[in-house]
């Protein structure tokens, strides 16, 4: 999938990529009261599953409500990371 935009990929794959992002790991750790560097990719994945109310990231491809929660989480992360303007 070289050259494919992240948002063009299945949502479950987007979530997997996100959990491997050290900046998202820091975001997840800080949201849980831990310092930067405290969360691994697997801890970030657990955080994501908890936020989205799912047992497996695969559910993001089939469950609209979980996908909506993922989209909100992604927006919060992007705002936190300075990738988009903060929500009011």
Protein backbone atom coordinates (compact mmCIF):
# COMPACT_ATOMS: atom_id res chain seq x y z
CA UNK A 1 0.00 0.00 0.00
CA UNK A 2 2.88 2.33 -0.66
CA UNK A 3 1.67 5.84 -1.37
CA UNK A 4 -1.76 5.21 0.17
CA UNK A 5 -2.96 7.94 2.51
CA UNK A 6 -3.59 6.80 6.05
CA UNK A 7 -7.25 7.79 5.87
CA UNK A 8 -7.70 5.63 2.74
CA UNK A 9 -6.82 2.48 4.69
CA UNK A 10 -9.30 0.36 6.67
CA UNK A 11 -10.02 1.95 10.05
CA UNK A 12 -8.62 -1.04 11.94
CA UNK A 13 -5.34 -0.63 10.06
CA UNK A 14 -5.33 3.12 10.82
CA UNK A 15 -5.75 2.28 14.50
CA UNK A 16 -2.84 -0.18 14.38
CA UNK A 17 -0.59 2.42 12.77
CA UNK A 18 -1.70 5.01 15.30
CA UNK A 19 -0.87 2.75 18.25
CA UNK A 20 2.66 2.32 16.92
CA UNK A 21 3.15 6.11 16.79
CA UNK A 22 5.30 7.17 19.77
CA UNK A 23 3.45 10.49 19.92
CA UNK A 24 0.11 8.67 20.29
CA UNK A 25 1.67 6.46 22.96
CA UNK A 26 2.64 9.62 24.87
CA UNK A 27 -0.88 11.04 24.40
CA UNK A 28 -2.44 7.83 25.73
CA UNK A 29 -0.03 7.65 28.67
CA UNK A 30 -0.64 11.25 29.69
CA UNK A 31 -4.40 10.79 29.37
CA UNK A 32 -4.04 8.01 31.93
CA UNK A 33 -1.84 10.01 34.30
CA UNK A 34 1.49 8.47 33.28
CA UNK A 35 4.60 10.24 31.99
CA UNK A 36 5.71 10.25 28.38
CA UNK A 37 7.43 6.99 27.50
CA UNK A 38 5.34 4.94 29.91
CA UNK A 39 3.15 3.34 27.21
CA UNK A 40 4.19 0.82 24.58
CA UNK A 41 2.27 0.10 21.39
CA UNK A 42 0.31 -2.61 23.20
CA UNK A 43 -0.63 -0.25 26.06
CA UNK A 44 -1.70 2.37 23.51
CA UNK A 45 -3.81 -0.28 21.76
CA UNK A 46 -5.47 -1.18 25.06
CA UNK A 47 -6.21 2.51 25.65
CA UNK A 48 -7.68 2.84 22.15
CA UNK A 49 -9.87 -0.25 22.59
CA UNK A 50 -11.11 1.10 25.92
CA UNK A 51 -11.92 4.53 24.45
CA UNK A 52 -13.74 2.96 21.52
CA UNK A 53 -15.60 0.37 23.61
CA UNK A 54 -14.28 -2.60 21.63
CA UNK A 55 -12.43 -5.84 22.28
CA UNK A 56 -10.59 -5.87 18.95
CA UNK A 57 -9.53 -3.13 16.56
CA UNK A 58 -11.18 -5.19 13.78
CA UNK A 59 -14.51 -4.02 15.18
CA UNK A 60 -13.69 -0.52 13.94
CA UNK A 61 -14.28 -1.77 10.39
CA UNK A 62 -17.73 -3.14 11.16
CA UNK A 63 -19.24 -1.10 14.01
CA UNK A 64 -20.33 2.46 13.20
CA UNK A 65 -20.50 3.61 16.83
CA UNK A 66 -16.96 2.37 17.50
CA UNK A 67 -15.76 4.05 14.32
CA UNK A 68 -17.34 7.33 15.47
CA UNK A 69 -15.58 7.04 18.84
CA UNK A 70 -12.30 6.35 17.03
CA UNK A 71 -12.81 9.44 14.86
CA UNK A 72 -13.37 11.58 17.97
CA UNK A 73 -10.29 10.10 19.66
CA UNK A 74 -8.23 10.71 16.52
CA UNK A 75 -9.43 14.33 16.40
CA UNK A 76 -8.54 14.82 20.08
CA UNK A 77 -5.09 13.35 19.45
CA UNK A 78 -4.52 15.46 16.35
CA UNK A 79 -5.48 18.61 18.30
CA UNK A 80 -3.25 17.60 21.22
CA UNK A 81 -0.36 16.96 18.81
CA UNK A 82 -0.87 20.31 17.09
CA UNK A 83 -1.80 18.69 13.77
CA UNK A 84 -5.14 20.53 13.71
CA UNK A 85 -6.57 23.53 15.53
CA UNK A 86 -7.96 22.79 18.96
CA UNK A 87 -11.69 22.25 19.28
CA UNK A 88 -13.65 24.89 21.15
